[in-house]
């Protein structure tokens, strides 16, 4: 499963009162998942603009299926490097510490700050004052699933393969940072663009294929 981990600076904080906590994060944070995109397929595509965001790393997802893989991501566990002779707890500790760089927080973030919920949107919204949003392509991630917790907005897109529609709807507030989860479906089997005729696609197996045939 491919993903992009990208952050940028937000505007200065406004002085108007807000019921949410005072923002402690300084950066907007976008977590972009290229659903089912293999590492070797991405290399074969020879991306030019994507690599401008940072170095490309080969990592492994904690789960091989879309739904549980996204639960791991929203626990704050990004795909791992599969280090050898390293305790899992030590790897988690170091990985969570990197959120200080990603979010630009005023106070250090450690694993204990995710307790007891162990859910990144909960931390971002209720402790760091973020607005939280999700736009997903796969039906197994729809708003009725358990993933939709502590999101200000959570939307299953009308088309599973239209990232451009997601980009058009991105909004960043001037007074506090935003978190966006974007689950992109163009890279899902079969690779397809929004203007292509679905009747020409091969048969889709798996849960998504089953859902498409339900009444």
N, C-alpha and C. Protein backbone atom coordinates (compact mmCIF):
# COMPACT_ATOMS: atom_id res chain seq x y z
N UNK A 1 0.85 -1.18 0.00
CA UNK A 1 0.00 0.00 0.00
C UNK A 1 0.89 1.23 0.00
N UNK A 2 0.71 2.10 -0.96
CA UNK A 2 1.51 3.31 -1.00
C UNK A 2 0.89 4.39 -0.15
N UNK A 3 1.73 5.28 0.38
CA UNK A 3 1.21 6.39 1.15
C UNK A 3 2.17 7.56 1.04
N UNK A 4 1.64 8.76 1.25
CA UNK A 4 2.46 9.95 1.28
C UNK A 4 2.26 10.60 2.64
N UNK A 5 3.35 11.07 3.21
CA UNK A 5 3.33 11.67 4.53
C UNK A 5 3.86 13.09 4.36
N UNK A 6 2.98 14.09 4.39
CA UNK A 6 3.36 15.43 3.97
C UNK A 6 2.79 16.46 4.92
N UNK A 7 3.56 17.47 5.24
CA UNK A 7 3.08 18.53 6.11
C UNK A 7 3.57 19.87 5.58
N UNK A 8 2.85 20.94 5.94
CA UNK A 8 3.27 22.28 5.54
C UNK A 8 2.87 23.25 6.63
N UNK A 9 3.49 24.42 6.64
CA UNK A 9 3.21 25.40 7.67
C UNK A 9 1.83 25.99 7.51
N UNK A 10 1.14 26.24 8.64
CA UNK A 10 -0.15 26.90 8.62
C UNK A 10 0.03 28.37 8.93
N UNK A 11 -1.02 29.18 8.74
CA UNK A 11 -0.94 30.61 8.97
C UNK A 11 -0.91 30.91 10.46
N UNK A 12 -0.68 32.16 10.80
CA UNK A 12 -0.62 32.58 12.21
C UNK A 12 -1.96 32.35 12.89
N UNK A 13 -1.91 32.10 14.20
CA UNK A 13 -3.12 31.81 14.95
C UNK A 13 -3.96 33.07 15.12
N UNK A 14 -5.28 32.94 15.02
CA UNK A 14 -6.19 34.07 15.23
C UNK A 14 -6.50 34.21 16.71
N UNK A 15 -7.03 35.37 17.12
CA UNK A 15 -7.28 35.66 18.52
C UNK A 15 -8.72 35.34 18.94
N UNK A 16 -9.61 35.02 18.01
CA UNK A 16 -11.00 34.74 18.36
C UNK A 16 -11.10 33.44 19.15
N UNK A 17 -11.97 33.39 20.18
CA UNK A 17 -12.12 32.18 20.98
C UNK A 17 -12.69 31.03 20.17
N UNK A 18 -12.34 29.81 20.54
CA UNK A 18 -12.80 28.62 19.84
C UNK A 18 -13.04 27.55 20.88
N UNK A 19 -14.13 26.77 20.77
CA UNK A 19 -14.41 25.74 21.78
C UNK A 19 -13.38 24.62 21.80
N UNK A 20 -12.64 24.44 20.71
CA UNK A 20 -11.62 23.43 20.68
C UNK A 20 -10.37 23.91 21.43
N UNK A 21 -9.47 23.00 21.80
CA UNK A 21 -8.25 23.42 22.51
C UNK A 21 -7.45 24.41 21.68
N UNK A 22 -6.69 25.21 22.38
CA UNK A 22 -5.77 26.11 21.67
C UNK A 22 -4.79 25.28 20.85
N UNK A 23 -4.59 25.63 19.58
CA UNK A 23 -3.70 24.82 18.74
C UNK A 23 -2.30 24.73 19.30
N UNK A 24 -1.80 23.51 19.39
CA UNK A 24 -0.42 23.27 19.79
C UNK A 24 0.39 22.77 18.61
N UNK A 25 -0.29 22.34 17.56
CA UNK A 25 0.41 21.95 16.35
C UNK A 25 0.58 23.15 15.43
N UNK A 26 1.69 23.19 14.73
CA UNK A 26 1.99 24.33 13.86
C UNK A 26 1.82 24.03 12.38
N UNK A 27 1.79 22.76 12.02
CA UNK A 27 1.76 22.37 10.61
C UNK A 27 0.46 21.68 10.24
N UNK A 28 -0.03 21.96 9.04
CA UNK A 28 -1.08 21.13 8.47
C UNK A 28 -0.49 19.76 8.14
N UNK A 29 -1.28 18.71 8.28
CA UNK A 29 -0.77 17.35 8.10
C UNK A 29 -1.69 16.59 7.16
N UNK A 30 -1.14 16.12 6.03
CA UNK A 30 -1.88 15.33 5.06
C UNK A 30 -1.31 13.92 5.02
N UNK A 31 -2.18 12.93 5.21
CA UNK A 31 -1.81 11.53 5.08
C UNK A 31 -2.52 10.99 3.84
N UNK A 32 -1.76 10.75 2.77
CA UNK A 32 -2.32 10.37 1.48
C UNK A 32 -1.96 8.91 1.20
N UNK A 33 -2.98 8.08 1.06
CA UNK A 33 -2.79 6.66 0.82
C UNK A 33 -3.11 6.34 -0.64
N UNK A 34 -2.13 5.82 -1.37
CA UNK A 34 -2.35 5.35 -2.74
C UNK A 34 -2.72 3.88 -2.63
N UNK A 35 -4.01 3.61 -2.55
CA UNK A 35 -4.50 2.28 -2.19
C UNK A 35 -4.02 1.20 -3.16
N UNK A 36 -3.41 0.15 -2.61
CA UNK A 36 -2.93 -1.02 -3.35
C UNK A 36 -1.76 -0.73 -4.29
N UNK A 37 -1.13 0.41 -4.14
CA UNK A 37 0.02 0.73 -4.99
C UNK A 37 1.28 0.07 -4.42
N UNK A 38 1.83 -0.88 -5.14
CA UNK A 38 3.03 -1.58 -4.70
C UNK A 38 4.27 -0.71 -4.90
N UNK A 39 5.29 -0.98 -4.08
CA UNK A 39 6.53 -0.22 -4.18
C UNK A 39 7.18 -0.38 -5.55
N UNK A 40 7.21 -1.62 -6.05
CA UNK A 40 7.85 -1.83 -7.35
C UNK A 40 7.04 -1.19 -8.48
N UNK A 41 5.71 -1.14 -8.33
CA UNK A 41 4.89 -0.49 -9.35
C UNK A 41 5.14 1.01 -9.36
N UNK A 42 5.32 1.59 -8.18
CA UNK A 42 5.61 3.02 -8.10
C UNK A 42 6.96 3.33 -8.74
N UNK A 43 7.95 2.48 -8.50
CA UNK A 43 9.26 2.68 -9.13
C UNK A 43 9.15 2.58 -10.65
N UNK A 44 8.36 1.61 -11.13
CA UNK A 44 8.21 1.43 -12.57
C UNK A 44 7.51 2.62 -13.21
N UNK A 45 6.66 3.30 -12.45
CA UNK A 45 5.96 4.47 -12.97
C UNK A 45 6.89 5.68 -13.11
N UNK A 46 8.05 5.61 -12.46
CA UNK A 46 9.05 6.68 -12.54
C UNK A 46 8.43 8.05 -12.20
N UNK A 47 7.87 8.20 -11.00
CA UNK A 47 7.23 9.47 -10.65
C UNK A 47 8.25 10.61 -10.58
N UNK A 48 7.85 11.76 -11.06
CA UNK A 48 8.75 12.92 -11.07
C UNK A 48 8.37 13.93 -9.99
N UNK A 49 7.09 14.26 -9.91
CA UNK A 49 6.66 15.29 -8.97
C UNK A 49 6.56 14.75 -7.54
N UNK A 50 6.16 13.49 -7.40
CA UNK A 50 6.02 12.89 -6.08
C UNK A 50 7.32 12.92 -5.30
N UNK A 51 8.41 12.63 -5.98
CA UNK A 51 9.70 12.53 -5.30
C UNK A 51 10.23 13.88 -4.84
N UNK A 52 9.60 14.97 -5.28
CA UNK A 52 10.00 16.29 -4.81
C UNK A 52 9.59 16.52 -3.36
N UNK A 53 8.64 15.70 -2.87
CA UNK A 53 8.19 15.85 -1.49
C UNK A 53 9.18 15.28 -0.49
N UNK A 54 10.04 14.38 -0.93
CA UNK A 54 11.01 13.77 -0.03
C UNK A 54 11.53 12.46 -0.59
N UNK A 55 12.48 11.82 0.11
CA UNK A 55 13.06 10.57 -0.38
C UNK A 55 12.04 9.43 -0.34
N UNK A 56 12.15 8.52 -1.29
CA UNK A 56 11.27 7.35 -1.36
C UNK A 56 11.87 6.22 -0.52
N UNK A 57 11.04 5.64 0.37
CA UNK A 57 11.50 4.57 1.24
C UNK A 57 10.66 3.31 1.02
N UNK A 58 11.30 2.17 1.08
CA UNK A 58 10.58 0.90 1.00
C UNK A 58 10.16 0.50 2.41
N UNK A 59 8.85 0.42 2.63
CA UNK A 59 8.32 0.08 3.95
C UNK A 59 7.22 -0.98 3.82
N UNK A 60 6.83 -1.54 4.97
CA UNK A 60 5.84 -2.60 5.00
C UNK A 60 4.64 -2.16 5.85
N UNK A 61 3.46 -2.40 5.32
CA UNK A 61 2.24 -2.11 6.07
C UNK A 61 2.05 -3.12 7.19
N UNK A 62 1.41 -2.70 8.27
CA UNK A 62 1.11 -3.62 9.37
C UNK A 62 -0.01 -4.59 9.00
N UNK A 63 -0.75 -4.31 7.94
CA UNK A 63 -1.83 -5.19 7.48
C UNK A 63 -1.87 -5.16 5.97
N UNK A 64 -2.31 -6.27 5.36
CA UNK A 64 -2.30 -6.39 3.90
C UNK A 64 -3.62 -6.01 3.26
N UNK A 65 -4.63 -5.64 4.07
CA UNK A 65 -5.95 -5.31 3.55
C UNK A 65 -6.28 -3.87 3.91
N UNK A 66 -7.05 -3.20 3.06
CA UNK A 66 -7.30 -1.77 3.20
C UNK A 66 -7.84 -1.38 4.57
N UNK A 67 -8.89 -2.04 5.06
CA UNK A 67 -9.54 -1.61 6.30
C UNK A 67 -8.62 -1.69 7.51
N UNK A 68 -8.03 -2.85 7.84
CA UNK A 68 -7.13 -2.89 9.00
C UNK A 68 -5.87 -2.07 8.81
N UNK A 69 -5.40 -1.93 7.57
CA UNK A 69 -4.22 -1.11 7.31
C UNK A 69 -4.48 0.34 7.68
N UNK A 70 -5.69 0.83 7.39
CA UNK A 70 -6.02 2.21 7.73
C UNK A 70 -6.21 2.39 9.23
N UNK A 71 -6.67 1.35 9.91
CA UNK A 71 -6.77 1.45 11.36
C UNK A 71 -5.38 1.64 11.96
N UNK A 72 -4.39 0.90 11.45
CA UNK A 72 -3.01 1.09 11.90
C UNK A 72 -2.53 2.51 11.64
N UNK A 73 -2.82 3.02 10.44
CA UNK A 73 -2.38 4.37 10.09
C UNK A 73 -2.99 5.40 11.04
N UNK A 74 -4.27 5.21 11.40
CA UNK A 74 -4.93 6.17 12.28
C UNK A 74 -4.59 5.93 13.74
N UNK A 75 -3.90 4.84 14.05
CA UNK A 75 -3.28 4.69 15.36
C UNK A 75 -1.96 5.46 15.41
N UNK A 76 -1.55 6.01 14.26
CA UNK A 76 -0.29 6.73 14.19
C UNK A 76 0.87 5.86 13.77
N UNK A 77 0.60 4.60 13.43
CA UNK A 77 1.66 3.68 13.02
C UNK A 77 1.78 3.67 11.51
N UNK A 78 2.75 4.40 10.99
CA UNK A 78 3.00 4.41 9.56
C UNK A 78 3.71 3.12 9.16
N UNK A 79 3.66 2.74 7.88
CA UNK A 79 4.37 1.53 7.43
C UNK A 79 5.81 1.51 7.94
N UNK A 80 6.27 0.34 8.35
CA UNK A 80 7.55 0.22 9.05
C UNK A 80 8.66 -0.24 8.12
N UNK A 81 9.89 -0.08 8.58
CA UNK A 81 11.07 -0.43 7.79
C UNK A 81 11.52 -1.87 8.03
N UNK A 82 10.80 -2.61 8.88
CA UNK A 82 11.13 -4.00 9.22
C UNK A 82 12.56 -4.15 9.70
N UNK A 83 12.94 -3.37 10.72
CA UNK A 83 14.32 -3.49 11.23
C UNK A 83 14.55 -4.83 11.94
N UNK A 84 15.77 -5.33 11.90
CA UNK A 84 16.10 -6.60 12.56
C UNK A 84 16.75 -6.32 13.91
N UNK A 85 16.60 -7.27 14.83
CA UNK A 85 17.19 -7.18 16.17
C UNK A 85 16.75 -5.92 16.91
N UNK A 86 15.49 -5.55 16.71
CA UNK A 86 14.94 -4.37 17.38
C UNK A 86 13.60 -4.76 18.00
N UNK A 87 13.41 -4.44 19.27
CA UNK A 87 12.12 -4.70 19.91
C UNK A 87 11.05 -3.81 19.28
N UNK A 88 9.85 -4.40 19.08
CA UNK A 88 8.76 -3.64 18.46
C UNK A 88 8.46 -2.39 19.26
N UNK A 89 8.48 -2.47 20.59
CA UNK A 89 8.17 -1.31 21.43
C UNK A 89 9.14 -0.16 21.20
N UNK A 90 10.40 -0.49 20.99
CA UNK A 90 11.40 0.55 20.74
C UNK A 90 11.17 1.20 19.38
N UNK A 91 10.79 0.39 18.40
CA UNK A 91 10.50 0.94 17.07
C UNK A 91 9.29 1.87 17.13
N UNK A 92 8.23 1.44 17.84
CA UNK A 92 7.05 2.30 17.98
C UNK A 92 7.43 3.62 18.62
N UNK A 93 8.23 3.56 19.68
CA UNK A 93 8.62 4.76 20.41
C UNK A 93 9.31 5.76 19.49
N UNK A 94 10.26 5.29 18.71
CA UNK A 94 10.99 6.18 17.81
C UNK A 94 10.09 6.73 16.70
N UNK A 95 9.17 5.89 16.21
CA UNK A 95 8.28 6.33 15.14
C UNK A 95 7.32 7.41 15.62
N UNK A 96 6.80 7.26 16.83
CA UNK A 96 5.89 8.27 17.38
C UNK A 96 6.61 9.59 17.62
N UNK A 97 7.88 9.54 17.99
CA UNK A 97 8.62 10.77 18.23
C UNK A 97 8.75 11.62 16.97
N UNK A 98 8.66 10.99 15.81
CA UNK A 98 8.77 11.74 14.55
C UNK A 98 7.58 12.67 14.32
N UNK A 99 6.48 12.45 15.07
CA UNK A 99 5.34 13.36 14.92
C UNK A 99 5.68 14.77 15.40
N UNK A 100 6.68 14.92 16.23
CA UNK A 100 7.10 16.26 16.61
C UNK A 100 7.61 17.05 15.41
N UNK A 101 8.30 16.35 14.51
CA UNK A 101 8.78 16.98 13.28
C UNK A 101 7.63 17.23 12.31
N UNK A 102 6.77 16.22 12.16
CA UNK A 102 5.68 16.35 11.20
C UNK A 102 4.71 17.46 11.58
N UNK A 103 4.34 17.51 12.84
CA UNK A 103 3.32 18.45 13.29
C UNK A 103 3.89 19.78 13.75
N UNK A 104 5.19 19.83 14.07
CA UNK A 104 5.78 21.06 14.56
C UNK A 104 5.17 21.50 15.88
N UNK A 105 4.96 20.55 16.78
CA UNK A 105 4.26 20.85 18.03
C UNK A 105 5.12 21.68 18.97
N UNK A 106 4.42 22.43 19.83
CA UNK A 106 5.12 23.27 20.80
C UNK A 106 5.71 22.44 21.93
N UNK A 107 5.03 21.36 22.29
CA UNK A 107 5.52 20.47 23.33
C UNK A 107 5.72 19.08 22.73
N UNK A 108 6.76 18.36 23.18
CA UNK A 108 7.06 17.05 22.58
C UNK A 108 5.89 16.07 22.70
N UNK A 109 5.69 15.28 21.63
CA UNK A 109 4.68 14.23 21.61
C UNK A 109 5.37 12.89 21.82
N UNK A 110 4.84 12.10 22.74
CA UNK A 110 5.34 10.76 22.97
C UNK A 110 4.17 9.78 22.89
N UNK A 111 4.50 8.49 22.96
CA UNK A 111 3.48 7.47 22.86
C UNK A 111 2.40 7.65 23.93
N UNK A 112 2.78 8.07 25.12
CA UNK A 112 1.84 8.20 26.23
C UNK A 112 0.73 9.21 25.93
N UNK A 113 0.97 10.17 25.02
CA UNK A 113 -0.03 11.17 24.71
C UNK A 113 -1.20 10.59 23.91
N UNK A 114 -1.02 9.41 23.30
CA UNK A 114 -2.11 8.77 22.58
C UNK A 114 -3.00 7.93 23.49
N UNK A 115 -2.57 7.70 24.71
CA UNK A 115 -3.34 6.90 25.65
C UNK A 115 -4.52 7.69 26.21
N UNK A 116 -5.66 7.04 26.53
CA UNK A 116 -5.90 5.61 26.39
C UNK A 116 -6.50 5.22 25.04
N UNK A 117 -6.79 6.21 24.17
CA UNK A 117 -7.55 5.93 22.95
C UNK A 117 -6.71 5.26 21.87
N UNK A 118 -5.42 5.56 21.84
CA UNK A 118 -4.55 5.04 20.78
C UNK A 118 -5.10 5.37 19.40
N UNK A 119 -5.54 6.63 19.24
CA UNK A 119 -6.14 7.03 17.96
C UNK A 119 -5.65 8.43 17.62
N UNK A 120 -4.99 8.55 16.47
CA UNK A 120 -4.36 9.81 16.08
C UNK A 120 -5.36 10.96 15.92
N UNK A 121 -6.52 10.77 15.26
CA UNK A 121 -7.47 11.89 15.16
C UNK A 121 -7.93 12.41 16.52
N UNK A 122 -8.04 11.53 17.52
CA UNK A 122 -8.43 11.96 18.87
C UNK A 122 -7.37 12.86 19.46
N UNK A 123 -6.11 12.47 19.33
CA UNK A 123 -5.00 13.29 19.81
C UNK A 123 -4.97 14.64 19.11
N UNK A 124 -5.08 14.60 17.78
CA UNK A 124 -4.99 15.84 17.00
C UNK A 124 -6.12 16.81 17.33
N UNK A 125 -7.33 16.28 17.45
CA UNK A 125 -8.49 17.15 17.66
C UNK A 125 -8.60 17.66 19.08
N UNK A 126 -8.48 16.76 20.06
CA UNK A 126 -8.80 17.11 21.44
C UNK A 126 -7.61 17.58 22.26
N UNK A 127 -6.40 17.27 21.81
CA UNK A 127 -5.23 17.73 22.55
C UNK A 127 -4.42 18.78 21.81
N UNK A 128 -4.39 18.68 20.48
CA UNK A 128 -3.56 19.61 19.71
C UNK A 128 -4.36 20.65 18.95
N UNK A 129 -5.71 20.61 19.03
CA UNK A 129 -6.54 21.65 18.44
C UNK A 129 -6.64 21.63 16.94
N UNK A 130 -6.46 20.47 16.31
CA UNK A 130 -6.57 20.36 14.85
C UNK A 130 -8.03 20.23 14.42
N UNK A 131 -8.33 20.66 13.19
CA UNK A 131 -9.55 20.21 12.53
C UNK A 131 -9.18 18.91 11.81
N UNK A 132 -10.10 17.96 11.79
CA UNK A 132 -9.79 16.62 11.27
C UNK A 132 -10.77 16.25 10.17
N UNK A 133 -10.26 15.78 9.04
CA UNK A 133 -11.10 15.49 7.88
C UNK A 133 -10.60 14.23 7.18
N UNK A 134 -11.53 13.52 6.53
CA UNK A 134 -11.17 12.34 5.75
C UNK A 134 -12.00 12.31 4.48
N UNK A 135 -11.36 11.98 3.36
CA UNK A 135 -12.04 11.69 2.10
C UNK A 135 -11.50 10.36 1.62
N UNK A 136 -12.40 9.37 1.50
CA UNK A 136 -11.97 8.00 1.20
C UNK A 136 -12.61 7.52 -0.10
N UNK A 137 -11.92 6.59 -0.76
CA UNK A 137 -12.39 6.06 -2.04
C UNK A 137 -12.99 4.67 -1.92
N UNK A 138 -12.51 3.86 -0.97
CA UNK A 138 -12.91 2.48 -0.86
C UNK A 138 -14.14 2.32 0.04
N UNK A 139 -15.17 1.56 -0.40
CA UNK A 139 -16.38 1.37 0.42
C UNK A 139 -16.11 0.75 1.78
N UNK A 140 -15.03 -0.04 1.93
CA UNK A 140 -14.74 -0.65 3.22
C UNK A 140 -14.29 0.38 4.25
N UNK A 141 -14.09 1.62 3.83
CA UNK A 141 -13.72 2.71 4.74
C UNK A 141 -14.86 3.71 4.91
N UNK A 142 -16.07 3.33 4.56
CA UNK A 142 -17.19 4.28 4.53
C UNK A 142 -17.44 4.91 5.90
N UNK A 143 -18.19 6.01 5.96
CA UNK A 143 -18.38 6.75 7.21
C UNK A 143 -19.05 5.98 8.34
N UNK A 144 -19.69 4.84 8.04
CA UNK A 144 -20.33 4.06 9.09
C UNK A 144 -19.37 3.12 9.80
N UNK A 145 -18.14 3.04 9.34
CA UNK A 145 -17.16 2.15 9.97
C UNK A 145 -16.59 2.79 11.23
N UNK A 146 -15.90 1.97 12.02
CA UNK A 146 -15.30 2.46 13.27
C UNK A 146 -14.21 3.49 13.04
N UNK A 147 -13.70 3.58 11.82
CA UNK A 147 -12.64 4.56 11.54
C UNK A 147 -13.14 5.99 11.70
N UNK A 148 -14.43 6.19 11.50
CA UNK A 148 -15.00 7.54 11.56
C UNK A 148 -15.22 7.95 13.02
N UNK A 149 -14.14 8.29 13.66
CA UNK A 149 -14.18 8.73 15.06
C UNK A 149 -13.32 9.98 15.22
N UNK A 150 -13.89 11.00 15.81
CA UNK A 150 -13.20 12.27 16.06
C UNK A 150 -12.74 12.95 14.77
N UNK A 151 -13.54 12.78 13.72
CA UNK A 151 -13.35 13.53 12.49
C UNK A 151 -14.42 14.62 12.41
N UNK A 152 -14.01 15.83 12.06
CA UNK A 152 -14.98 16.91 11.83
C UNK A 152 -15.77 16.66 10.56
N UNK A 153 -15.16 16.02 9.58
CA UNK A 153 -15.86 15.61 8.37
C UNK A 153 -15.23 14.32 7.87
N UNK A 154 -16.09 13.44 7.34
CA UNK A 154 -15.63 12.14 6.85
C UNK A 154 -16.53 11.77 5.68
N UNK A 155 -15.94 11.61 4.49
CA UNK A 155 -16.76 11.45 3.29
C UNK A 155 -16.27 10.32 2.40
N UNK A 156 -17.22 9.46 1.99
CA UNK A 156 -16.94 8.49 0.93
C UNK A 156 -17.19 9.18 -0.40
N UNK A 157 -16.18 9.24 -1.25
CA UNK A 157 -16.29 9.98 -2.49
C UNK A 157 -17.23 9.29 -3.48
N UNK A 158 -17.92 10.06 -4.33
CA UNK A 158 -18.84 9.47 -5.31
C UNK A 158 -18.15 8.51 -6.26
N UNK A 159 -16.90 8.80 -6.63
CA UNK A 159 -16.11 7.91 -7.49
C UNK A 159 -14.89 7.44 -6.73
N UNK A 160 -14.53 6.18 -6.95
CA UNK A 160 -13.40 5.64 -6.20
C UNK A 160 -12.06 6.04 -6.80
N UNK A 161 -12.06 6.68 -7.94
CA UNK A 161 -10.81 6.95 -8.64
C UNK A 161 -10.74 8.41 -9.12
N UNK A 162 -10.96 9.34 -8.21
CA UNK A 162 -10.97 10.75 -8.60
C UNK A 162 -10.28 11.59 -7.52
N UNK A 163 -8.96 11.49 -7.46
CA UNK A 163 -8.20 12.26 -6.49
C UNK A 163 -8.32 13.76 -6.74
N UNK A 164 -8.46 14.13 -8.00
CA UNK A 164 -8.58 15.56 -8.32
C UNK A 164 -9.77 16.19 -7.59
N UNK A 165 -10.86 15.42 -7.44
CA UNK A 165 -12.03 15.93 -6.72
C UNK A 165 -11.71 16.15 -5.24
N UNK A 166 -10.84 15.32 -4.68
CA UNK A 166 -10.42 15.51 -3.29
C UNK A 166 -9.59 16.78 -3.15
N UNK A 167 -8.65 16.96 -4.05
CA UNK A 167 -7.77 18.12 -3.98
C UNK A 167 -8.58 19.42 -4.07
N UNK A 168 -9.61 19.41 -4.91
CA UNK A 168 -10.44 20.60 -5.05
C UNK A 168 -11.18 20.96 -3.76
N UNK A 169 -11.40 19.97 -2.89
CA UNK A 169 -12.16 20.21 -1.67
C UNK A 169 -11.28 20.44 -0.44
N UNK A 170 -9.98 20.43 -0.61
CA UNK A 170 -9.10 20.71 0.52
C UNK A 170 -9.24 22.16 0.95
N UNK A 171 -9.44 22.36 2.24
CA UNK A 171 -9.55 23.70 2.81
C UNK A 171 -8.70 23.77 4.07
N UNK A 172 -7.91 24.84 4.18
CA UNK A 172 -7.04 25.02 5.33
C UNK A 172 -7.41 26.31 6.06
N UNK A 173 -7.77 26.19 7.33
CA UNK A 173 -8.20 27.34 8.10
C UNK A 173 -7.01 28.22 8.46
N UNK A 174 -7.23 29.53 8.52
CA UNK A 174 -6.12 30.42 8.82
C UNK A 174 -5.72 30.43 10.30
N UNK A 175 -6.64 29.98 11.19
CA UNK A 175 -6.38 30.13 12.62
C UNK A 175 -5.97 28.85 13.32
N UNK A 176 -6.01 27.71 12.63
CA UNK A 176 -5.58 26.46 13.27
C UNK A 176 -5.22 25.44 12.20
N UNK A 177 -4.33 24.50 12.52
CA UNK A 177 -3.89 23.52 11.53
C UNK A 177 -4.96 22.47 11.26
N UNK A 178 -4.84 21.80 10.11
CA UNK A 178 -5.80 20.79 9.68
C UNK A 178 -5.09 19.46 9.44
N UNK A 179 -5.83 18.38 9.70
CA UNK A 179 -5.39 17.03 9.35
C UNK A 179 -6.34 16.48 8.31
N UNK A 180 -5.79 15.93 7.23
CA UNK A 180 -6.59 15.28 6.19
C UNK A 180 -6.07 13.88 5.94
N UNK A 181 -6.99 12.91 5.93
CA UNK A 181 -6.71 11.57 5.43
C UNK A 181 -7.33 11.48 4.04
N UNK A 182 -6.51 11.19 3.03
CA UNK A 182 -7.00 11.01 1.67
C UNK A 182 -6.69 9.59 1.22
N UNK A 183 -7.73 8.80 1.03
CA UNK A 183 -7.58 7.44 0.51
C UNK A 183 -7.86 7.48 -0.98
N UNK A 184 -6.81 7.31 -1.79
CA UNK A 184 -6.88 7.50 -3.24
C UNK A 184 -7.06 6.15 -3.93
N UNK A 185 -8.04 6.05 -4.83
CA UNK A 185 -8.37 4.78 -5.43
C UNK A 185 -7.90 4.57 -6.86
N UNK A 186 -7.28 5.57 -7.49
CA UNK A 186 -6.82 5.37 -8.86
C UNK A 186 -5.87 4.19 -8.99
N UNK A 187 -5.07 3.97 -7.95
CA UNK A 187 -4.05 2.91 -8.00
C UNK A 187 -4.59 1.55 -7.59
N UNK A 188 -5.86 1.49 -7.21
CA UNK A 188 -6.46 0.20 -6.86
C UNK A 188 -6.69 -0.61 -8.13
N UNK A 189 -6.73 -1.94 -7.99
CA UNK A 189 -6.99 -2.78 -9.17
C UNK A 189 -8.44 -2.65 -9.61
N UNK A 190 -8.69 -2.42 -10.91
CA UNK A 190 -7.69 -2.14 -11.94
C UNK A 190 -7.37 -0.65 -11.95
N UNK A 191 -6.16 -0.30 -12.35
CA UNK A 191 -5.80 1.11 -12.42
C UNK A 191 -6.75 1.80 -13.39
N UNK A 192 -7.42 2.84 -12.93
CA UNK A 192 -8.45 3.47 -13.75
C UNK A 192 -8.56 4.95 -13.42
N UNK A 193 -8.82 5.74 -14.44
CA UNK A 193 -8.99 7.18 -14.31
C UNK A 193 -10.47 7.54 -14.38
N UNK A 194 -10.86 8.72 -13.87
CA UNK A 194 -12.29 9.07 -13.77
C UNK A 194 -13.03 9.09 -15.10
N UNK A 195 -12.34 9.41 -16.20
CA UNK A 195 -13.04 9.55 -17.48
C UNK A 195 -13.10 8.25 -18.27
N UNK A 196 -12.67 7.13 -17.68
CA UNK A 196 -12.70 5.85 -18.38
C UNK A 196 -14.03 5.14 -18.16
N UNK A 197 -14.44 4.35 -19.13
CA UNK A 197 -15.71 3.61 -19.08
C UNK A 197 -15.58 2.40 -18.17
N UNK A 198 -16.32 2.35 -17.04
CA UNK A 198 -16.20 1.21 -16.11
C UNK A 198 -16.56 -0.13 -16.75
N UNK A 199 -17.39 -0.12 -17.79
CA UNK A 199 -17.78 -1.40 -18.41
C UNK A 199 -16.59 -2.09 -19.09
N UNK A 200 -15.52 -1.35 -19.32
CA UNK A 200 -14.34 -1.91 -19.97
C UNK A 200 -13.35 -2.48 -18.95
N UNK A 201 -13.62 -2.28 -17.66
CA UNK A 201 -12.69 -2.75 -16.64
C UNK A 201 -12.85 -4.26 -16.44
N UNK A 202 -11.79 -4.94 -16.02
CA UNK A 202 -11.92 -6.36 -15.67
C UNK A 202 -12.72 -6.52 -14.38
N UNK A 203 -13.15 -7.73 -14.11
CA UNK A 203 -13.95 -8.02 -12.92
C UNK A 203 -13.13 -7.76 -11.67
N UNK A 204 -13.73 -7.05 -10.70
CA UNK A 204 -13.05 -6.74 -9.45
C UNK A 204 -13.46 -7.77 -8.40
N UNK A 205 -12.47 -8.47 -7.83
CA UNK A 205 -12.74 -9.45 -6.80
C UNK A 205 -12.60 -8.80 -5.43
N UNK A 206 -12.84 -9.57 -4.39
CA UNK A 206 -12.68 -9.06 -3.04
C UNK A 206 -13.93 -8.38 -2.52
N UNK A 207 -13.82 -7.80 -1.32
CA UNK A 207 -14.98 -7.19 -0.67
C UNK A 207 -15.53 -6.03 -1.47
N UNK A 208 -14.66 -5.22 -2.06
CA UNK A 208 -15.17 -4.10 -2.85
C UNK A 208 -16.00 -4.57 -4.04
N UNK A 209 -15.58 -5.68 -4.67
CA UNK A 209 -16.37 -6.24 -5.75
C UNK A 209 -17.70 -6.75 -5.27
N UNK A 210 -17.75 -7.36 -4.10
CA UNK A 210 -19.00 -7.85 -3.53
C UNK A 210 -19.95 -6.69 -3.24
N UNK A 211 -19.43 -5.62 -2.63
CA UNK A 211 -20.25 -4.47 -2.30
C UNK A 211 -20.87 -3.83 -3.53
N UNK A 212 -20.14 -3.86 -4.64
CA UNK A 212 -20.67 -3.23 -5.85
C UNK A 212 -21.88 -3.97 -6.38
N UNK A 213 -22.00 -5.27 -6.04
CA UNK A 213 -23.10 -6.06 -6.58
C UNK A 213 -24.27 -6.23 -5.61
N UNK A 214 -24.16 -5.58 -4.44
CA UNK A 214 -25.27 -5.64 -3.49
C UNK A 214 -26.39 -4.73 -3.91
N UNK A 215 -27.62 -5.11 -3.64
CA UNK A 215 -28.77 -4.28 -3.98
C UNK A 215 -28.82 -3.09 -3.03
